[in-house]
Amino acid sequence: MRAVKTLDGFTALRCMFVGLTDGNASRCAAALTPIQTVRIDGVKEACARMSSVLPLIVVVAKRFGEPLLGELHDVANSCAAEVIEIDDEPPGDLDKQITAALRRADRRRT
């Protein structure tokens, strides 16, 4: 998996969590260790910060609704990030979904 070089010369792999509960964020972070995670409360802020964070994947709560999720998908696509939408009760195979999304994101960036 290729890492993004930041402006300060460090290499970082990042994933973004948008609107997740504490429990869901912890579960996702455990599946992503040692990848750095960035937690954001809302879709508008996530869209504004995505080009500077450059996440490999974005895990977002479905409760934001279609218009905001559509906007998030558009911005994520322009940053070559994969998006995973989850309910408040995440699927049992969330770890597998995250792993598959990381692989797709890596292929998109190479």
N, C-alpha and C. Protein backbone atom coordinates (compact mmCIF):
# COMPACT_ATOMS: atom_id res chain seq x y z
N MET A 1 0.83 -1.16 0.00
CA MET A 1 0.00 0.00 0.00
C MET A 1 0.88 1.23 0.00
N ARG A 2 0.58 2.17 -0.87
CA ARG A 2 1.39 3.37 -0.97
C ARG A 2 0.89 4.42 0.01
N ALA A 3 1.81 5.15 0.57
CA ALA A 3 1.47 6.19 1.54
C ALA A 3 1.55 7.55 0.87
N VAL A 4 0.86 8.50 1.42
CA VAL A 4 0.87 9.87 0.93
C VAL A 4 1.98 10.64 1.64
N LYS A 5 2.78 11.35 0.86
CA LYS A 5 3.80 12.21 1.47
C LYS A 5 3.14 13.54 1.81
N THR A 6 3.29 13.94 3.04
CA THR A 6 2.71 15.21 3.47
C THR A 6 3.67 16.35 3.17
N LEU A 7 3.19 17.58 3.30
CA LEU A 7 4.01 18.75 2.99
C LEU A 7 5.25 18.83 3.87
N ASP A 8 5.15 18.32 5.09
CA ASP A 8 6.31 18.38 5.98
C ASP A 8 7.29 17.23 5.75
N GLY A 9 7.03 16.42 4.71
CA GLY A 9 7.96 15.36 4.35
C GLY A 9 7.69 14.02 4.99
N PHE A 10 6.74 13.98 5.90
CA PHE A 10 6.40 12.71 6.54
C PHE A 10 5.43 11.94 5.67
N THR A 11 5.43 10.64 5.82
CA THR A 11 4.52 9.78 5.09
C THR A 11 3.36 9.41 6.00
N ALA A 12 2.15 9.51 5.48
CA ALA A 12 0.98 9.22 6.31
C ALA A 12 -0.06 8.44 5.53
N LEU A 13 -0.62 7.44 6.16
CA LEU A 13 -1.81 6.75 5.66
C LEU A 13 -2.94 7.19 6.58
N ARG A 14 -4.02 7.66 6.00
CA ARG A 14 -5.11 8.17 6.83
C ARG A 14 -6.45 7.65 6.36
N CYS A 15 -7.35 7.54 7.33
CA CYS A 15 -8.74 7.24 7.05
C CYS A 15 -9.58 8.23 7.83
N MET A 16 -10.75 8.55 7.29
CA MET A 16 -11.62 9.56 7.89
C MET A 16 -12.91 8.90 8.37
N PHE A 17 -13.32 9.23 9.60
CA PHE A 17 -14.59 8.77 10.15
C PHE A 17 -15.50 9.99 10.24
N VAL A 18 -16.70 9.87 9.68
CA VAL A 18 -17.62 11.00 9.65
C VAL A 18 -18.91 10.64 10.37
N GLY A 19 -19.16 11.31 11.48
CA GLY A 19 -20.41 11.14 12.21
C GLY A 19 -20.60 9.80 12.89
N LEU A 20 -19.52 9.09 13.15
CA LEU A 20 -19.64 7.77 13.78
C LEU A 20 -19.81 7.89 15.29
N THR A 21 -20.53 6.94 15.87
CA THR A 21 -20.62 6.86 17.32
C THR A 21 -19.25 6.48 17.86
N ASP A 22 -19.05 6.67 19.15
CA ASP A 22 -17.77 6.30 19.76
C ASP A 22 -17.47 4.82 19.55
N GLY A 23 -18.48 3.98 19.73
CA GLY A 23 -18.29 2.54 19.57
C GLY A 23 -17.91 2.15 18.14
N ASN A 24 -18.59 2.74 17.17
CA ASN A 24 -18.28 2.43 15.77
C ASN A 24 -16.90 2.96 15.38
N ALA A 25 -16.55 4.14 15.88
CA ALA A 25 -15.23 4.69 15.58
C ALA A 25 -14.13 3.80 16.17
N SER A 26 -14.36 3.30 17.38
CA SER A 26 -13.37 2.41 18.01
C SER A 26 -13.23 1.11 17.24
N ARG A 27 -14.35 0.57 16.81
CA ARG A 27 -14.32 -0.69 16.04
C ARG A 27 -13.58 -0.50 14.72
N CYS A 28 -13.88 0.58 14.04
CA CYS A 28 -13.20 0.85 12.76
C CYS A 28 -11.71 1.10 12.98
N ALA A 29 -11.37 1.87 14.00
CA ALA A 29 -9.96 2.17 14.27
C ALA A 29 -9.18 0.90 14.56
N ALA A 30 -9.80 -0.03 15.28
CA ALA A 30 -9.12 -1.30 15.59
C ALA A 30 -8.82 -2.07 14.30
N ALA A 31 -9.73 -2.00 13.33
CA ALA A 31 -9.52 -2.70 12.06
C ALA A 31 -8.46 -2.01 11.21
N LEU A 32 -8.18 -0.76 11.50
CA LEU A 32 -7.26 0.03 10.67
C LEU A 32 -5.87 0.20 11.27
N THR A 33 -5.64 -0.29 12.45
CA THR A 33 -4.33 -0.12 13.09
C THR A 33 -3.25 -0.68 12.19
N PRO A 34 -2.20 0.03 11.90
CA PRO A 34 -1.67 1.27 12.45
C PRO A 34 -2.00 2.51 11.63
N ILE A 35 -3.00 2.45 10.77
CA ILE A 35 -3.33 3.60 9.93
C ILE A 35 -3.94 4.70 10.79
N GLN A 36 -3.49 5.91 10.56
CA GLN A 36 -3.97 7.07 11.31
C GLN A 36 -5.42 7.38 10.93
N THR A 37 -6.23 7.72 11.91
CA THR A 37 -7.62 8.06 11.65
C THR A 37 -7.91 9.50 12.05
N VAL A 38 -8.84 10.10 11.32
CA VAL A 38 -9.27 11.47 11.57
C VAL A 38 -10.78 11.42 11.75
N ARG A 39 -11.26 11.88 12.90
CA ARG A 39 -12.69 11.88 13.21
C ARG A 39 -13.28 13.25 12.97
N ILE A 40 -14.41 13.27 12.27
CA ILE A 40 -15.08 14.53 11.94
C ILE A 40 -16.57 14.34 12.21
N ASP A 41 -17.21 15.36 12.75
CA ASP A 41 -18.62 15.24 13.13
C ASP A 41 -19.59 15.29 11.96
N GLY A 42 -19.37 16.16 10.99
CA GLY A 42 -20.35 16.36 9.93
C GLY A 42 -19.80 16.24 8.53
N VAL A 43 -20.73 16.06 7.59
CA VAL A 43 -20.35 15.87 6.18
C VAL A 43 -19.75 17.13 5.59
N LYS A 44 -20.31 18.28 5.88
CA LYS A 44 -19.78 19.53 5.30
C LYS A 44 -18.32 19.75 5.70
N GLU A 45 -18.01 19.53 6.98
CA GLU A 45 -16.62 19.68 7.44
C GLU A 45 -15.73 18.63 6.79
N ALA A 46 -16.24 17.41 6.66
CA ALA A 46 -15.46 16.33 6.03
C ALA A 46 -15.13 16.69 4.59
N CYS A 47 -16.11 17.21 3.87
CA CYS A 47 -15.86 17.60 2.48
C CYS A 47 -14.84 18.73 2.40
N ALA A 48 -14.91 19.67 3.32
CA ALA A 48 -13.98 20.79 3.32
C ALA A 48 -12.56 20.35 3.63
N ARG A 49 -12.40 19.34 4.46
CA ARG A 49 -11.06 18.91 4.89
C ARG A 49 -10.48 17.76 4.07
N MET A 50 -11.28 17.13 3.24
CA MET A 50 -10.84 15.91 2.57
C MET A 50 -9.61 16.11 1.68
N SER A 51 -9.52 17.22 0.99
CA SER A 51 -8.36 17.41 0.10
C SER A 51 -7.07 17.63 0.87
N SER A 52 -7.15 18.03 2.12
CA SER A 52 -5.92 18.17 2.91
C SER A 52 -5.60 16.90 3.69
N VAL A 53 -6.63 16.16 4.11
CA VAL A 53 -6.41 14.91 4.84
C VAL A 53 -6.02 13.78 3.88
N LEU A 54 -6.60 13.77 2.69
CA LEU A 54 -6.38 12.73 1.67
C LEU A 54 -6.52 11.31 2.25
N PRO A 55 -7.71 10.99 2.74
CA PRO A 55 -7.91 9.66 3.33
C PRO A 55 -7.94 8.58 2.26
N LEU A 56 -7.52 7.39 2.64
CA LEU A 56 -7.68 6.22 1.76
C LEU A 56 -9.14 5.80 1.72
N ILE A 57 -9.75 5.75 2.90
CA ILE A 57 -11.17 5.44 2.98
C ILE A 57 -11.87 6.43 3.90
N VAL A 58 -13.16 6.57 3.68
CA VAL A 58 -14.03 7.40 4.52
C VAL A 58 -15.15 6.48 5.01
N VAL A 59 -15.29 6.36 6.32
CA VAL A 59 -16.38 5.59 6.90
C VAL A 59 -17.37 6.61 7.44
N VAL A 60 -18.59 6.57 6.92
CA VAL A 60 -19.59 7.59 7.24
C VAL A 60 -20.88 6.96 7.73
N ALA A 61 -21.55 7.63 8.66
CA ALA A 61 -22.84 7.19 9.16
C ALA A 61 -23.92 7.44 8.10
N LYS A 62 -24.75 6.43 7.83
CA LYS A 62 -25.82 6.56 6.83
C LYS A 62 -26.87 7.58 7.21
N ARG A 63 -26.98 7.88 8.49
CA ARG A 63 -28.07 8.74 8.96
C ARG A 63 -28.03 10.16 8.40
N PHE A 64 -26.96 10.55 7.72
CA PHE A 64 -26.88 11.90 7.15
C PHE A 64 -27.86 12.09 5.99
N GLY A 65 -28.29 11.02 5.36
CA GLY A 65 -29.24 11.12 4.27
C GLY A 65 -28.58 11.28 2.91
N GLU A 66 -29.37 11.01 1.90
CA GLU A 66 -28.88 10.92 0.51
C GLU A 66 -28.22 12.19 -0.02
N PRO A 67 -28.80 13.38 0.15
CA PRO A 67 -28.13 14.55 -0.44
C PRO A 67 -26.71 14.78 0.10
N LEU A 68 -26.55 14.71 1.43
CA LEU A 68 -25.22 14.91 2.00
C LEU A 68 -24.28 13.76 1.68
N LEU A 69 -24.80 12.54 1.70
CA LEU A 69 -23.95 11.39 1.36
C LEU A 69 -23.49 11.46 -0.09
N GLY A 70 -24.36 11.93 -0.98
CA GLY A 70 -23.98 12.11 -2.38
C GLY A 70 -22.85 13.11 -2.54
N GLU A 71 -22.95 14.21 -1.80
CA GLU A 71 -21.88 15.22 -1.82
C GLU A 71 -20.56 14.63 -1.31
N LEU A 72 -20.65 13.86 -0.23
CA LEU A 72 -19.45 13.23 0.33
C LEU A 72 -18.82 12.26 -0.67
N HIS A 73 -19.64 11.45 -1.33
CA HIS A 73 -19.14 10.51 -2.33
C HIS A 73 -18.42 11.25 -3.46
N ASP A 74 -19.00 12.37 -3.91
CA ASP A 74 -18.37 13.15 -4.99
C ASP A 74 -16.99 13.65 -4.60
N VAL A 75 -16.89 14.22 -3.40
CA VAL A 75 -15.60 14.75 -2.94
C VAL A 75 -14.61 13.61 -2.72
N ALA A 76 -15.07 12.52 -2.11
CA ALA A 76 -14.19 11.37 -1.87
C ALA A 76 -13.67 10.81 -3.19
N ASN A 77 -14.53 10.72 -4.17
CA ASN A 77 -14.12 10.20 -5.48
C ASN A 77 -13.04 11.09 -6.10
N SER A 78 -13.18 12.40 -5.95
CA SER A 78 -12.17 13.30 -6.52
C SER A 78 -10.83 13.18 -5.80
N CYS A 79 -10.85 12.66 -4.56
CA CYS A 79 -9.62 12.45 -3.79
C CYS A 79 -9.15 10.99 -3.85
N ALA A 80 -9.78 10.20 -4.70
CA ALA A 80 -9.46 8.76 -4.86
C ALA A 80 -9.63 7.99 -3.56
N ALA A 81 -10.63 8.37 -2.77
CA ALA A 81 -10.92 7.67 -1.51
C ALA A 81 -12.14 6.78 -1.69
N GLU A 82 -12.13 5.66 -1.01
CA GLU A 82 -13.27 4.76 -0.98
C GLU A 82 -14.19 5.15 0.17
N VAL A 83 -15.49 4.98 -0.01
CA VAL A 83 -16.46 5.33 1.02
C VAL A 83 -17.20 4.08 1.48
N ILE A 84 -17.32 3.94 2.79
CA ILE A 84 -18.13 2.88 3.40
C ILE A 84 -19.20 3.57 4.23
N GLU A 85 -20.46 3.30 3.93
CA GLU A 85 -21.58 3.84 4.70
C GLU A 85 -22.02 2.77 5.70
N ILE A 86 -22.20 3.17 6.96
CA ILE A 86 -22.64 2.20 7.96
C ILE A 86 -23.81 2.75 8.77
N ASP A 87 -24.68 1.83 9.20
CA ASP A 87 -25.78 2.16 10.09
C ASP A 87 -25.23 2.30 11.51
N ASP A 88 -26.09 2.75 12.43
CA ASP A 88 -25.67 2.84 13.83
C ASP A 88 -25.26 1.47 14.36
N GLU A 89 -25.87 0.43 13.83
CA GLU A 89 -25.47 -0.95 14.15
C GLU A 89 -24.71 -1.48 12.94
N PRO A 90 -23.37 -1.44 12.98
CA PRO A 90 -22.59 -1.81 11.79
C PRO A 90 -22.71 -3.29 11.44
N PRO A 91 -22.45 -3.63 10.20
CA PRO A 91 -22.54 -5.03 9.77
C PRO A 91 -21.48 -5.89 10.44
N GLY A 92 -21.76 -7.16 10.56
CA GLY A 92 -20.81 -8.09 11.17
C GLY A 92 -19.52 -8.22 10.40
N ASP A 93 -19.56 -7.97 9.10
CA ASP A 93 -18.36 -8.11 8.27
C ASP A 93 -17.66 -6.76 8.04
N LEU A 94 -17.84 -5.82 8.95
CA LEU A 94 -17.25 -4.49 8.77
C LEU A 94 -15.74 -4.56 8.57
N ASP A 95 -15.06 -5.41 9.32
CA ASP A 95 -13.61 -5.54 9.17
C ASP A 95 -13.24 -5.94 7.75
N LYS A 96 -14.00 -6.87 7.17
CA LYS A 96 -13.74 -7.31 5.79
C LYS A 96 -14.02 -6.19 4.81
N GLN A 97 -15.09 -5.42 5.05
CA GLN A 97 -15.40 -4.29 4.17
C GLN A 97 -14.29 -3.25 4.19
N ILE A 98 -13.75 -3.00 5.38
CA ILE A 98 -12.66 -2.03 5.51
C ILE A 98 -11.42 -2.52 4.77
N THR A 99 -11.08 -3.77 4.94
CA THR A 99 -9.91 -4.34 4.26
C THR A 99 -10.07 -4.27 2.74
N ALA A 100 -11.25 -4.61 2.25
CA ALA A 100 -11.51 -4.56 0.81
C ALA A 100 -11.44 -3.12 0.30
N ALA A 101 -11.98 -2.18 1.06
CA ALA A 101 -11.94 -0.77 0.66
C ALA A 101 -10.51 -0.25 0.62
N LEU A 102 -9.69 -0.66 1.58
CA LEU A 102 -8.28 -0.25 1.57
C LEU A 102 -7.57 -0.76 0.33
N ARG A 103 -7.85 -1.98 -0.05
CA ARG A 103 -7.23 -2.54 -1.27
C ARG A 103 -7.67 -1.78 -2.51
N ARG A 104 -8.98 -1.48 -2.60
CA ARG A 104 -9.48 -0.73 -3.76
C ARG A 104 -8.85 0.67 -3.80
N ALA A 105 -8.75 1.31 -2.64
CA ALA A 105 -8.17 2.65 -2.59
C ALA A 105 -6.71 2.63 -3.02
N ASP A 106 -5.99 1.61 -2.59
CA ASP A 106 -4.58 1.50 -2.98
C ASP A 106 -4.46 1.34 -4.48
N ARG A 107 -5.31 0.52 -5.09
CA ARG A 107 -5.28 0.34 -6.55
C ARG A 107 -5.63 1.64 -7.28
N ARG A 108 -6.55 2.42 -6.73
CA ARG A 108 -6.96 3.67 -7.37
C ARG A 108 -5.83 4.69 -7.38
N ARG A 109 -4.97 4.62 -6.37
CA ARG A 109 -3.91 5.62 -6.24
C ARG A 109 -2.61 5.21 -6.92
N THR A 110 -2.55 4.04 -7.48
CA THR A 110 -1.30 3.61 -8.13
C THR A 110 -1.39 3.80 -9.63
